[in-house]
PDB file of N, CA and C in Angstrom:
ATOM      1  N   MET A   1       0.799  -1.183   0.002  1.00  0.00           N
ATOM      2  CA  MET A   1       0.000   0.002   0.004  1.00  0.00           C
ATOM      3  C   MET A   1       0.853   1.263  -0.001  1.00  0.00           C
ATOM      4  N   ALA A   2       1.929   1.197   0.739  1.00  0.00           N
ATOM      5  CA  ALA A   2       2.801   2.359   0.815  1.00  0.00           C
ATOM      6  C   ALA A   2       3.380   2.656  -0.557  1.00  0.00           C
ATOM      7  N   ASP A   3       3.695   1.563  -1.270  1.00  0.00           N
ATOM      8  CA  ASP A   3       4.229   1.761  -2.613  1.00  0.00           C
ATOM      9  C   ASP A   3       3.189   2.379  -3.543  1.00  0.00           C
ATOM     10  N   GLN A   4       1.945   1.996  -3.377  1.00  0.00           N
ATOM     11  CA  GLN A   4       0.870   2.511  -4.219  1.00  0.00           C
ATOM     12  C   GLN A   4       0.649   3.996  -3.943  1.00  0.00           C
ATOM     13  N   LYS A   5       0.742   4.417  -2.664  1.00  0.00           N
ATOM     14  CA  LYS A   5       0.568   5.828  -2.336  1.00  0.00           C
ATOM     15  C   LYS A   5       1.700   6.663  -2.918  1.00  0.00           C
ATOM     16  N   THR A   6       2.896   6.167  -2.782  1.00  0.00           N
ATOM     17  CA  THR A   6       4.015   6.942  -3.309  1.00  0.00           C
ATOM     18  C   THR A   6       3.948   7.054  -4.824  1.00  0.00           C
ATOM     19  N   THR A   7       3.479   6.012  -5.482  1.00  0.00           N
ATOM     20  CA  THR A   7       3.323   6.053  -6.934  1.00  0.00           C
ATOM     21  C   THR A   7       2.252   7.057  -7.313  1.00  0.00           C
ATOM     22  N   GLU A   8       1.139   7.045  -6.586  1.00  0.00           N
ATOM     23  CA  GLU A   8       0.070   8.007  -6.854  1.00  0.00           C
ATOM     24  C   GLU A   8       0.536   9.431  -6.588  1.00  0.00           C
ATOM     25  N   GLU A   9       1.276   9.607  -5.513  1.00  0.00           N
ATOM     26  CA  GLU A   9       1.792  10.938  -5.182  1.00  0.00           C
ATOM     27  C   GLU A   9       2.765  11.418  -6.262  1.00  0.00           C
ATOM     28  N   MET A  10       3.593  10.500  -6.745  1.00  0.00           N
ATOM     29  CA  MET A  10       4.533  10.868  -7.789  1.00  0.00           C
ATOM     30  C   MET A  10       3.809  11.239  -9.079  1.00  0.00           C
ATOM     31  N   ASN A  11       2.748  10.478  -9.394  1.00  0.00           N
ATOM     32  CA  ASN A  11       1.952  10.778 -10.586  1.00  0.00           C
ATOM     33  C   ASN A  11       1.289  12.152 -10.458  1.00  0.00           C
ATOM     34  N   GLU A  12       0.729  12.439  -9.285  1.00  0.00           N
ATOM     35  CA  GLU A  12       0.078  13.726  -9.060  1.00  0.00           C
ATOM     36  C   GLU A  12       1.108  14.860  -9.165  1.00  0.00           C
ATOM     37  N   ALA A  13       2.278  14.656  -8.589  1.00  0.00           N
ATOM     38  CA  ALA A  13       3.320  15.675  -8.648  1.00  0.00           C
ATOM     39  C   ALA A  13       3.754  15.921 -10.090  1.00  0.00           C
ATOM     40  N   MET A  14       3.887  14.839 -10.853  1.00  0.00           N
ATOM     41  CA  MET A  14       4.279  14.979 -12.257  1.00  0.00           C
ATOM     42  C   MET A  14       3.186  15.663 -13.063  1.00  0.00           C
ATOM     43  N   GLU A  15       1.938  15.337 -12.780  1.00  0.00           N
ATOM     44  CA  GLU A  15       0.825  15.985 -13.480  1.00  0.00           C
ATOM     45  C   GLU A  15       0.787  17.484 -13.179  1.00  0.00           C
ATOM     46  N   LYS A  16       1.068  17.838 -11.918  1.00  0.00           N
ATOM     47  CA  LYS A  16       1.118  19.258 -11.539  1.00  0.00           C
ATOM     48  C   LYS A  16       2.259  19.960 -12.270  1.00  0.00           C
ATOM     49  N   GLN A  17       3.406  19.289 -12.354  1.00  0.00           N
ATOM     50  CA  GLN A  17       4.541  19.885 -13.063  1.00  0.00           C
ATOM     51  C   GLN A  17       4.252  20.061 -14.551  1.00  0.00           C
ATOM     52  N   VAL A  18       3.621  19.051 -15.125  1.00  0.00           N
ATOM     53  CA  VAL A  18       3.262  19.123 -16.551  1.00  0.00           C
ATOM     54  C   VAL A  18       2.269  20.263 -16.771  1.00  0.00           C
ATOM     55  N   ALA A  19       1.284  20.385 -15.893  1.00  0.00           N
ATOM     56  CA  ALA A  19       0.307  21.459 -16.013  1.00  0.00           C
ATOM     57  C   ALA A  19       0.986  22.828 -15.890  1.00  0.00           C
ATOM     58  N   GLU A  20       1.917  22.949 -14.951  1.00  0.00           N
ATOM     59  CA  GLU A  20       2.651  24.211 -14.769  1.00  0.00           C
ATOM     60  C   GLU A  20       3.496  24.524 -15.998  1.00  0.00           C
ATOM     61  N   LEU A  21       4.146  23.518 -16.547  1.00  0.00           N
ATOM     62  CA  LEU A  21       4.942  23.728 -17.757  1.00  0.00           C
ATOM     63  C   LEU A  21       4.068  24.162 -18.932  1.00  0.00           C
ATOM     64  N   LYS A  22       2.878  23.582 -19.037  1.00  0.00           N
ATOM     65  CA  LYS A  22       1.950  23.973 -20.105  1.00  0.00           C
ATOM     66  C   LYS A  22       1.551  25.435 -19.948  1.00  0.00           C
ATOM     67  N   ARG A  23       1.280  25.873 -18.715  1.00  0.00           N
ATOM     68  CA  ARG A  23       0.918  27.271 -18.471  1.00  0.00           C
ATOM     69  C   ARG A  23       2.081  28.192 -18.842  1.00  0.00           C
ATOM     70  N   GLN A  24       3.274  27.799 -18.472  1.00  0.00           N
ATOM     71  CA  GLN A  24       4.448  28.616 -18.796  1.00  0.00           C
ATOM     72  C   GLN A  24       4.663  28.704 -20.306  1.00  0.00           C
ATOM     73  N   ILE A  25       4.468  27.585 -20.993  1.00  0.00           N
ATOM     74  CA  ILE A  25       4.617  27.577 -22.454  1.00  0.00           C
ATOM     75  C   ILE A  25       3.563  28.474 -23.092  1.00  0.00           C
ATOM     76  N   GLU A  26       2.329  28.439 -22.580  1.00  0.00           N
ATOM     77  CA  GLU A  26       1.276  29.320 -23.110  1.00  0.00           C
ATOM     78  C   GLU A  26       1.643  30.783 -22.923  1.00  0.00           C
ATOM     79  N   LYS A  27       2.196  31.131 -21.752  1.00  0.00           N
ATOM     80  CA  LYS A  27       2.612  32.515 -21.499  1.00  0.00           C
ATOM     81  C   LYS A  27       3.717  32.929 -22.465  1.00  0.00           C
ATOM     82  N   ILE A  28       4.675  32.034 -22.665  1.00  0.00           N
ATOM     83  CA  ILE A  28       5.772  32.325 -23.583  1.00  0.00           C
ATOM     84  C   ILE A  28       5.249  32.532 -25.003  1.00  0.00           C
ATOM     85  N   ASN A  29       4.340  31.673 -25.417  1.00  0.00           N
ATOM     86  CA  ASN A  29       3.747  31.793 -26.756  1.00  0.00           C
ATOM     87  C   ASN A  29       3.002  33.121 -26.912  1.00  0.00           C
ATOM     88  N   GLU A  30       2.267  33.532 -25.883  1.00  0.00           N
ATOM     89  CA  GLU A  30       1.535  34.797 -25.924  1.00  0.00           C
ATOM     90  C   GLU A  30       2.510  35.969 -26.066  1.00  0.00           C
ATOM     91  N   LYS A  31       3.594  35.953 -25.282  1.00  0.00           N
ATOM     92  CA  LYS A  31       4.572  37.029 -25.357  1.00  0.00           C
ATOM     93  C   LYS A  31       5.258  37.060 -26.713  1.00  0.00           C
ATOM     94  N   LEU A  32       5.595  35.880 -27.229  1.00  0.00           N
ATOM     95  CA  LEU A  32       6.213  35.834 -28.544  1.00  0.00           C
ATOM     96  C   LEU A  32       5.272  36.362 -29.617  1.00  0.00           C
ATOM     97  N   SER A  33       4.010  36.027 -29.496  1.00  0.00           N
ATOM     98  CA  SER A  33       3.013  36.505 -30.447  1.00  0.00           C
ATOM     99  C   SER A  33       2.896  38.027 -30.384  1.00  0.00           C
ATOM    100  N   GLU A  34       2.877  38.580 -29.179  1.00  0.00           N
ATOM    101  CA  GLU A  34       2.800  40.029 -29.018  1.00  0.00           C
ATOM    102  C   GLU A  34       4.030  40.706 -29.618  1.00  0.00           C
ATOM    103  N   GLN A  35       5.207  40.155 -29.350  1.00  0.00           N
ATOM    104  CA  GLN A  35       6.434  40.736 -29.868  1.00  0.00           C
ATOM    105  C   GLN A  35       6.487  40.644 -31.389  1.00  0.00           C
ATOM    106  N   ALA A  36       6.019  39.548 -31.931  1.00  0.00           N
ATOM    107  CA  ALA A  36       6.004  39.397 -33.387  1.00  0.00           C
ATOM    108  C   ALA A  36       5.064  40.433 -34.021  1.00  0.00           C
ATOM    109  N   ALA A  37       3.920  40.662 -33.376  1.00  0.00           N
ATOM    110  CA  ALA A  37       2.980  41.655 -33.891  1.00  0.00           C
ATOM    111  C   ALA A  37       3.596  43.054 -33.829  1.00  0.00           C
ATOM    112  N   GLN A  38       4.281  43.361 -32.735  1.00  0.00           N
ATOM    113  CA  GLN A  38       4.928  44.670 -32.622  1.00  0.00           C
ATOM    114  C   GLN A  38       6.034  44.823 -33.662  1.00  0.00           C
ATOM    115  N   ALA A  39       6.805  43.775 -33.871  1.00  0.00           N
ATOM    116  CA  ALA A  39       7.874  43.830 -34.868  1.00  0.00           C
ATOM    117  C   ALA A  39       7.299  44.023 -36.264  1.00  0.00           C
ATOM    118  N   ALA A  40       6.191  43.365 -36.555  1.00  0.00           N
ATOM    119  CA  ALA A  40       5.555  43.513 -37.864  1.00  0.00           C
ATOM    120  C   ALA A  40       5.043  44.940 -38.063  1.00  0.00           C
ATOM    121  N   GLU A  41       4.466  45.515 -37.018  1.00  0.00           N
ATOM    122  CA  GLU A  41       3.985  46.895 -37.116  1.00  0.00           C
ATOM    123  C   GLU A  41       5.149  47.861 -37.335  1.00  0.00           C
ATOM    124  N   THR A  42       6.245  47.648 -36.617  1.00  0.00           N
ATOM    125  CA  THR A  42       7.422  48.491 -36.767  1.00  0.00           C
ATOM    126  C   THR A  42       7.994  48.389 -38.170  1.00  0.00           C
ATOM    127  N   ALA A  43       8.107  47.164 -38.663  1.00  0.00           N
ATOM    128  CA  ALA A  43       8.647  46.950 -40.008  1.00  0.00           C
ATOM    129  C   ALA A  43       7.742  47.593 -41.054  1.00  0.00           C
ATOM    130  N   LYS A  44       6.439  47.495 -40.870  1.00  0.00           N
ATOM    131  CA  LYS A  44       5.509  48.109 -41.806  1.00  0.00           C
ATOM    132  C   LYS A  44       5.675  49.618 -41.802  1.00  0.00           C
ATOM    133  N   GLY A  45       5.853  50.183 -40.622  1.00  0.00           N
ATOM    134  CA  GLY A  45       6.072  51.628 -40.525  1.00  0.00           C
ATOM    135  C   GLY A  45       7.338  52.048 -41.244  1.00  0.00           C
ATOM    136  N   TRP A  46       8.412  51.281 -41.056  1.00  0.00           N
ATOM    137  CA  TRP A  46       9.668  51.590 -41.744  1.00  0.00           C
ATOM    138  C   TRP A  46       9.505  51.472 -43.260  1.00  0.00           C
ATOM    139  N   TYR A  47       8.815  50.423 -43.679  1.00  0.00           N
ATOM    140  CA  TYR A  47       8.602  50.226 -45.119  1.00  0.00           C
ATOM    141  C   TYR A  47       7.793  51.369 -45.699  1.00  0.00           C
ATOM    142  N   ASP A  48       6.707  51.731 -45.030  1.00  0.00           N
ATOM    143  CA  ASP A  48       5.865  52.824 -45.521  1.00  0.00           C
ATOM    144  C   ASP A  48       6.653  54.124 -45.597  1.00  0.00           C
ATOM    145  N   SER A  49       7.456  54.387 -44.574  1.00  0.00           N
ATOM    146  CA  SER A  49       8.264  55.607 -44.552  1.00  0.00           C
ATOM    147  C   SER A  49       9.290  55.603 -45.689  1.00  0.00           C
ATOM    148  N   ALA A  50       9.979  54.488 -45.860  1.00  0.00           N
ATOM    149  CA  ALA A  50      10.977  54.388 -46.917  1.00  0.00           C
ATOM    150  C   ALA A  50      10.340  54.501 -48.290  1.00  0.00           C
ATOM    151  N   SER A  51       9.195  53.877 -48.452  1.00  0.00           N
ATOM    152  CA  SER A  51       8.491  53.919 -49.731  1.00  0.00           C
ATOM    153  C   SER A  51       8.067  55.345 -50.058  1.00  0.00           C
ATOM    154  N   SER A  52       7.555  56.043 -49.056  1.00  0.00           N
ATOM    155  CA  SER A  52       7.136  57.418 -49.252  1.00  0.00           C
ATOM    156  C   SER A  52       8.318  58.318 -49.613  1.00  0.00           C
ATOM    157  N   LYS A  53       9.433  58.137 -48.887  1.00  0.00           N
ATOM    158  CA  LYS A  53      10.627  58.941 -49.163  1.00  0.00           C
ATOM    159  C   LYS A  53      11.183  58.654 -50.552  1.00  0.00           C
ATOM    160  N   ALA A  54      11.190  57.390 -50.942  1.00  0.00           N
ATOM    161  CA  ALA A  54      11.685  57.030 -52.268  1.00  0.00           C
ATOM    162  C   ALA A  54      10.803  57.625 -53.362  1.00  0.00           C
ATOM    163  N   SER A  55       9.513  57.609 -53.132  1.00  0.00           N
ATOM    164  CA  SER A  55       8.585  58.191 -54.097  1.00  0.00           C
ATOM    165  C   SER A  55       8.802  59.694 -54.222  1.00  0.00           C
ATOM    166  N   ASN A  56       8.983  60.356 -53.072  1.00  0.00           N
ATOM    167  CA  ASN A  56       9.230  61.805 -53.092  1.00  0.00           C
ATOM    168  C   ASN A  56      10.554  62.113 -53.791  1.00  0.00           C
ATOM    169  N   ALA A  57      11.581  61.318 -53.520  1.00  0.00           N
ATOM    170  CA  ALA A  57      12.890  61.539 -54.142  1.00  0.00           C
ATOM    171  C   ALA A  57      12.805  61.329 -55.655  1.00  0.00           C
ATOM    172  N   ALA A  58      12.092  60.310 -56.094  1.00  0.00           N
ATOM    173  CA  ALA A  58      11.945  60.042 -57.523  1.00  0.00           C
ATOM    174  C   ALA A  58      11.195  61.184 -58.196  1.00  0.00           C
ATOM    175  N   SER A  59      10.173  61.685 -57.527  1.00  0.00           N
ATOM    176  CA  SER A  59       9.409  62.798 -58.074  1.00  0.00           C
ATOM    177  C   SER A  59      10.278  64.042 -58.189  1.00  0.00           C
ATOM    178  N   ALA A  60      11.062  64.334 -57.158  1.00  0.00           N
ATOM    179  CA  ALA A  60      11.938  65.499 -57.189  1.00  0.00           C
ATOM    180  C   ALA A  60      12.997  65.338 -58.274  1.00  0.00           C
ATOM    181  N   LEU A  61      13.555  64.157 -58.407  1.00  0.00           N
ATOM    182  CA  LEU A  61      14.568  63.905 -59.435  1.00  0.00           C
ATOM    183  C   LEU A  61      13.969  64.072 -60.830  1.00  0.00           C
ATOM    184  N   ARG A  62      12.766  63.572 -61.013  1.00  0.00           N
ATOM    185  CA  ARG A  62      12.084  63.702 -62.291  1.00  0.00           C
ATOM    186  C   ARG A  62      11.873  65.182 -62.630  1.00  0.00           C
ATOM    187  N   THR A  63      11.451  65.956 -61.640  1.00  0.00           N
ATOM    188  CA  THR A  63      11.209  67.385 -61.843  1.00  0.00           C
ATOM    189  C   THR A  63      12.504  68.107 -62.196  1.00  0.00           C
ATOM    190  N   GLN A  64      13.581  67.782 -61.475  1.00  0.00           N
ATOM    191  CA  GLN A  64      14.860  68.435 -61.746  1.00  0.00           C
ATOM    192  C   GLN A  64      15.394  68.052 -63.120  1.00  0.00           C
ATOM    193  N   ALA A  65      15.250  66.793 -63.496  1.00  0.00           N
ATOM    194  CA  ALA A  65      15.700  66.364 -64.813  1.00  0.00           C
ATOM    195  C   ALA A  65      14.919  67.071 -65.907  1.00  0.00           C
ATOM    196  N   GLN A  66      13.637  67.249 -65.705  1.00  0.00           N
ATOM    197  CA  GLN A  66      12.804  67.948 -66.684  1.00  0.00           C
ATOM    198  C   GLN A  66      13.241  69.403 -66.792  1.00  0.00           C
ATOM    199  N   THR A  67      13.567  70.030 -65.652  1.00  0.00           N
ATOM    200  CA  THR A  67      14.007  71.420 -65.653  1.00  0.00           C
ATOM    201  C   THR A  67      15.322  71.566 -66.404  1.00  0.00           C
ATOM    202  N   VAL A  68      16.262  70.665 -66.126  1.00  0.00           N
ATOM    203  CA  VAL A  68      17.549  70.706 -66.823  1.00  0.00           C
ATOM    204  C   VAL A  68      17.353  70.499 -68.316  1.00  0.00           C
ATOM    205  N   SER A  69      16.494  69.584 -68.674  1.00  0.00           N
ATOM    206  CA  SER A  69      16.225  69.323 -70.077  1.00  0.00           C
ATOM    207  C   SER A  69      15.636  70.550 -70.767  1.00  0.00           C
ATOM    208  N   GLU A  70      14.709  71.211 -70.100  1.00  0.00           N
ATOM    209  CA  GLU A  70      14.102  72.421 -70.671  1.00  0.00           C
ATOM    210  C   GLU A  70      15.140  73.522 -70.844  1.00  0.00           C
ATOM    211  N   VAL A  71      16.017  73.697 -69.851  1.00  0.00           N
ATOM    212  CA  VAL A  71      17.058  74.722 -69.959  1.00  0.00           C
ATOM    213  C   VAL A  71      18.008  74.392 -71.096  1.00  0.00           C
ATOM    214  N   ALA A  72      18.366  73.127 -71.230  1.00  0.00           N
ATOM    215  CA  ALA A  72      19.271  72.726 -72.316  1.00  0.00           C
ATOM    216  C   ALA A  72      18.626  72.955 -73.675  1.00  0.00           C
ATOM    217  N   GLN A  73      17.332  72.722 -73.792  1.00  0.00           N
ATOM    218  CA  GLN A  73      16.652  72.928 -75.058  1.00  0.00           C
ATOM    219  C   GLN A  73      16.523  74.406 -75.386  1.00  0.00           C
ATOM    220  N   GLU A  74      16.318  75.233 -74.351  1.00  0.00           N
ATOM    221  CA  GLU A  74      16.159  76.659 -74.575  1.00  0.00           C
ATOM    222  C   GLU A  74      17.494  77.349 -74.843  1.00  0.00           C
ATOM    223  N   ASN A  75      18.602  76.822 -74.298  1.00  0.00           N
ATOM    224  CA  ASN A  75      19.910  77.466 -74.408  1.00  0.00           C
ATOM    225  C   ASN A  75      20.984  76.459 -74.826  1.00  0.00           C
ATOM    226  N   PRO A  76      20.924  75.938 -76.032  1.00  0.00           N
ATOM    227  CA  PRO A  76      21.917  74.927 -76.421  1.00  0.00           C
ATOM    228  C   PRO A  76      23.338  75.490 -76.511  1.00  0.00           C
ATOM    229  N   VAL A  77      23.473  76.752 -76.899  1.00  0.00           N
ATOM    230  CA  VAL A  77      24.807  77.340 -77.025  1.00  0.00           C
ATOM    231  C   VAL A  77      25.452  77.490 -75.647  1.00  0.00           C
ATOM    232  N   THR A  78      24.677  77.890 -74.669  1.00  0.00           N
ATOM    233  CA  THR A  78      25.193  78.063 -73.314  1.00  0.00           C
ATOM    234  C   THR A  78      25.665  76.724 -72.747  1.00  0.00           C
ATOM    235  N   ILE A  79      24.893  75.683 -72.962  1.00  0.00           N
ATOM    236  CA  ILE A  79      25.264  74.348 -72.470  1.00  0.00           C
ATOM    237  C   ILE A  79      26.536  73.875 -73.158  1.00  0.00           C
ATOM    238  N   SER A  80      26.642  74.083 -74.464  1.00  0.00           N
ATOM    239  CA  SER A  80      27.839  73.654 -75.202  1.00  0.00           C
ATOM    240  C   SER A  80      29.064  74.431 -74.720  1.00  0.00           C
ATOM    241  N   THR A  81      28.891  75.721 -74.513  1.00  0.00           N
ATOM    242  CA  THR A  81      30.011  76.545 -74.043  1.00  0.00           C
ATOM    243  C   THR A  81      30.458  76.099 -72.653  1.00  0.00           C
ATOM    244  N   ALA A  82      29.512  75.848 -71.771  1.00  0.00           N
ATOM    245  CA  ALA A  82      29.853  75.400 -70.418  1.00  0.00           C
ATOM    246  C   ALA A  82      30.555  74.050 -70.465  1.00  0.00           C
ATOM    247  N   ALA A  83      30.106  73.138 -71.305  1.00  0.00           N
ATOM    248  CA  ALA A  83      30.744  71.819 -71.416  1.00  0.00           C
ATOM    249  C   ALA A  83      32.174  71.956 -71.939  1.00  0.00           C
ATOM    250  N   LEU A  84      32.380  72.822 -72.933  1.00  0.00           N
ATOM    251  CA  LEU A  84      33.734  73.037 -73.456  1.00  0.00           C
ATOM    252  C   LEU A  84      34.632  73.679 -72.396  1.00  0.00           C
ATOM    253  N   ALA A  85      34.110  74.638 -71.645  1.00  0.00           N
ATOM    254  CA  ALA A  85      34.904  75.301 -70.611  1.00  0.00           C
ATOM    255  C   ALA A  85      35.302  74.309 -69.521  1.00  0.00           C
ATOM    256  N   ILE A  86      34.371  73.478 -69.117  1.00  0.00           N
ATOM    257  CA  ILE A  86      34.666  72.476 -68.086  1.00  0.00           C
ATOM    258  C   ILE A  86      35.705  71.476 -68.610  1.00  0.00           C
ATOM    259  N   GLY A  87      35.564  71.083 -69.856  1.00  0.00           N
ATOM    260  CA  GLY A  87      36.538  70.162 -70.458  1.00  0.00           C
ATOM    261  C   GLY A  87      37.918  70.782 -70.535  1.00  0.00           C
ATOM    262  N   PHE A  88      37.990  72.072 -70.924  1.00  0.00           N
ATOM    263  CA  PHE A  88      39.272  72.759 -71.013  1.00  0.00           C
ATOM    264  C   PHE A  88      39.926  72.889 -69.644  1.00  0.00           C
ATOM    265  N   VAL A  89      39.154  73.260 -68.633  1.00  0.00           N
ATOM    266  CA  VAL A  89      39.689  73.370 -67.276  1.00  0.00           C
ATOM    267  C   VAL A  89      40.194  72.005 -66.805  1.00  0.00           C
ATOM    268  N   GLY A  90      39.447  70.960 -67.066  1.00  0.00           N
ATOM    269  CA  GLY A  90      39.890  69.610 -66.698  1.00  0.00           C
ATOM    270  C   GLY A  90      41.174  69.216 -67.389  1.00  0.00           C
ATOM    271  N   PHE A  91      41.283  69.562 -68.669  1.00  0.00           N
ATOM    272  CA  PHE A  91      42.501  69.259 -69.417  1.00  0.00           C
ATOM    273  C   PHE A  91      43.694  70.008 -68.829  1.00  0.00           C
ATOM    274  N   MET A  92      43.505  71.275 -68.511  1.00  0.00           N
ATOM    275  CA  MET A  92      44.597  72.085 -67.951  1.00  0.00           C
ATOM    276  C   MET A  92      45.033  71.557 -66.582  1.00  0.00           C
ATOM    277  N   ILE A  93      44.091  71.176 -65.766  1.00  0.00           N
ATOM    278  CA  ILE A  93      44.428  70.605 -64.455  1.00  0.00           C
ATOM    279  C   ILE A  93      45.203  69.301 -64.636  1.00  0.00           C
ATOM    280  N   GLY A  94      44.753  68.458 -65.541  1.00  0.00           N
ATOM    281  CA  GLY A  94      45.444  67.196 -65.818  1.00  0.00           C
ATOM    282  C   GLY A  94      46.844  67.431 -66.351  1.00  0.00           C
ATOM    283  N   PHE A  95      46.971  68.411 -67.243  1.00  0.00           N
ATOM    284  CA  PHE A  95      48.288  68.733 -67.812  1.00  0.00           C
ATOM    285  C   PHE A  95      49.228  69.245 -66.723  1.00  0.00           C
ATOM    286  N   ALA A  96      48.741  70.138 -65.855  1.00  0.00           N
ATOM    287  CA  ALA A  96      49.571  70.695 -64.772  1.00  0.00           C
ATOM    288  C   ALA A  96      49.999  69.608 -63.796  1.00  0.00           C
ATOM    289  N   VAL A  97      49.076  68.720 -63.420  1.00  0.00           N
ATOM    290  CA  VAL A  97      49.407  67.638 -62.500  1.00  0.00           C
ATOM    291  C   VAL A  97      50.415  66.691 -63.156  1.00  0.00           C
ATOM    292  N   GLY A  98      50.257  66.435 -64.418  1.00  0.00           N
ATOM    293  CA  GLY A  98      51.186  65.567 -65.128  1.00  0.00           C
ATOM    294  C   GLY A  98      52.568  66.162 -65.202  1.00  0.00           C
ATOM    295  N   GLN A  99      52.666  67.452 -65.442  1.00  0.00           N
ATOM    296  CA  GLN A  99      53.968  68.125 -65.513  1.00  0.00           C
ATOM    297  C   GLN A  99      54.657  68.161 -64.158  1.00  0.00           C
ATOM    298  N   SER A 100      53.876  68.390 -63.112  1.00  0.00           N
ATOM    299  CA  SER A 100      54.483  68.503 -61.784  1.00  0.00           C
ATOM    300  C   SER A 100      54.901  67.141 -61.242  1.00  0.00           C
ATOM    301  N   SER A 101      54.208  66.092 -61.609  1.00  0.00           N
ATOM    302  CA  SER A 101      54.554  64.780 -61.080  1.00  0.00           C
ATOM    303  C   SER A 101      55.653  64.088 -61.887  1.00  0.00           C
ATOM    304  N   SER A 102      55.895  64.571 -63.104  1.00  0.00           N
ATOM    305  CA  SER A 102      56.920  63.908 -63.913  1.00  0.00           C
ATOM    306  C   SER A 102      58.325  64.266 -63.442  1.00  0.00           C
ATOM    307  N   GLY A 103      58.495  65.405 -62.817  1.00  0.00           N
ATOM    308  CA  GLY A 103      59.803  65.800 -62.284  1.00  0.00           C
ATOM    309  C   GLY A 103      60.809  66.017 -63.391  1.00  0.00           C
ATOM    310  N   SER A 104      61.953  65.373 -63.282  1.00  0.00           N
ATOM    311  CA  SER A 104      63.013  65.562 -64.275  1.00  0.00           C
ATOM    312  C   SER A 104      62.931  64.552 -65.413  1.00  0.00           C
ATOM    313  N   HIS A 105      62.027  63.626 -65.335  1.00  0.00           N
ATOM    314  CA  HIS A 105      61.889  62.622 -66.396  1.00  0.00           C
ATOM    315  C   HIS A 105      61.170  63.227 -67.593  1.00  0.00           C
ATOM    316  N   ARG A 106      61.828  63.160 -68.692  1.00  0.00           N
ATOM    317  CA  ARG A 106      61.204  63.659 -69.926  1.00  0.00           C
ATOM    318  C   ARG A 106      61.016  62.472 -70.879  1.00  0.00           C
ATOM    319  N   TYR A 107      59.802  62.211 -71.194  1.00  0.00           N
ATOM    320  CA  TYR A 107      59.533  61.104 -72.103  1.00  0.00           C
ATOM    321  C   TYR A 107      59.421  61.583 -73.534  1.00  0.00           C
ATOM    322  N   TRP A 108      59.130  62.859 -73.717  1.00  0.00           N
ATOM    323  CA  TRP A 108      58.950  63.393 -75.060  1.00  0.00           C
ATOM    324  C   TRP A 108      60.156  64.278 -75.391  1.00  0.00           C
ATOM    325  N   ARG A 109      61.116  63.782 -76.054  1.00  0.00           N
ATOM    326  CA  ARG A 109      62.308  64.577 -76.387  1.00  0.00           C
ATOM    327  C   ARG A 109      62.402  64.799 -77.866  1.00  0.00           C
TER     328      ARG A 109
END
């Protein structure tokens, strides 16, 4: 009889432990579910914000490109002159840097 009581007591103790573990697992699942929902809301907010900013940037870029295109069409001579001036300045800078870095070495004699 003593053995039967101890077995029953052990079974009851194990059932209580299993029940407690189930409750703890349910709490953990609830917290994980809440955190996942919060993370999803945060990610959606970031996505919406990034999408909106990208749309605004694309719109601004489109507007600026259209403005530049209109100016180029209205003033083709000015654009050509500016491009030639920038090219000439770049050439002169490159020539000066090349002369200063060559030192005493002369390759063109």
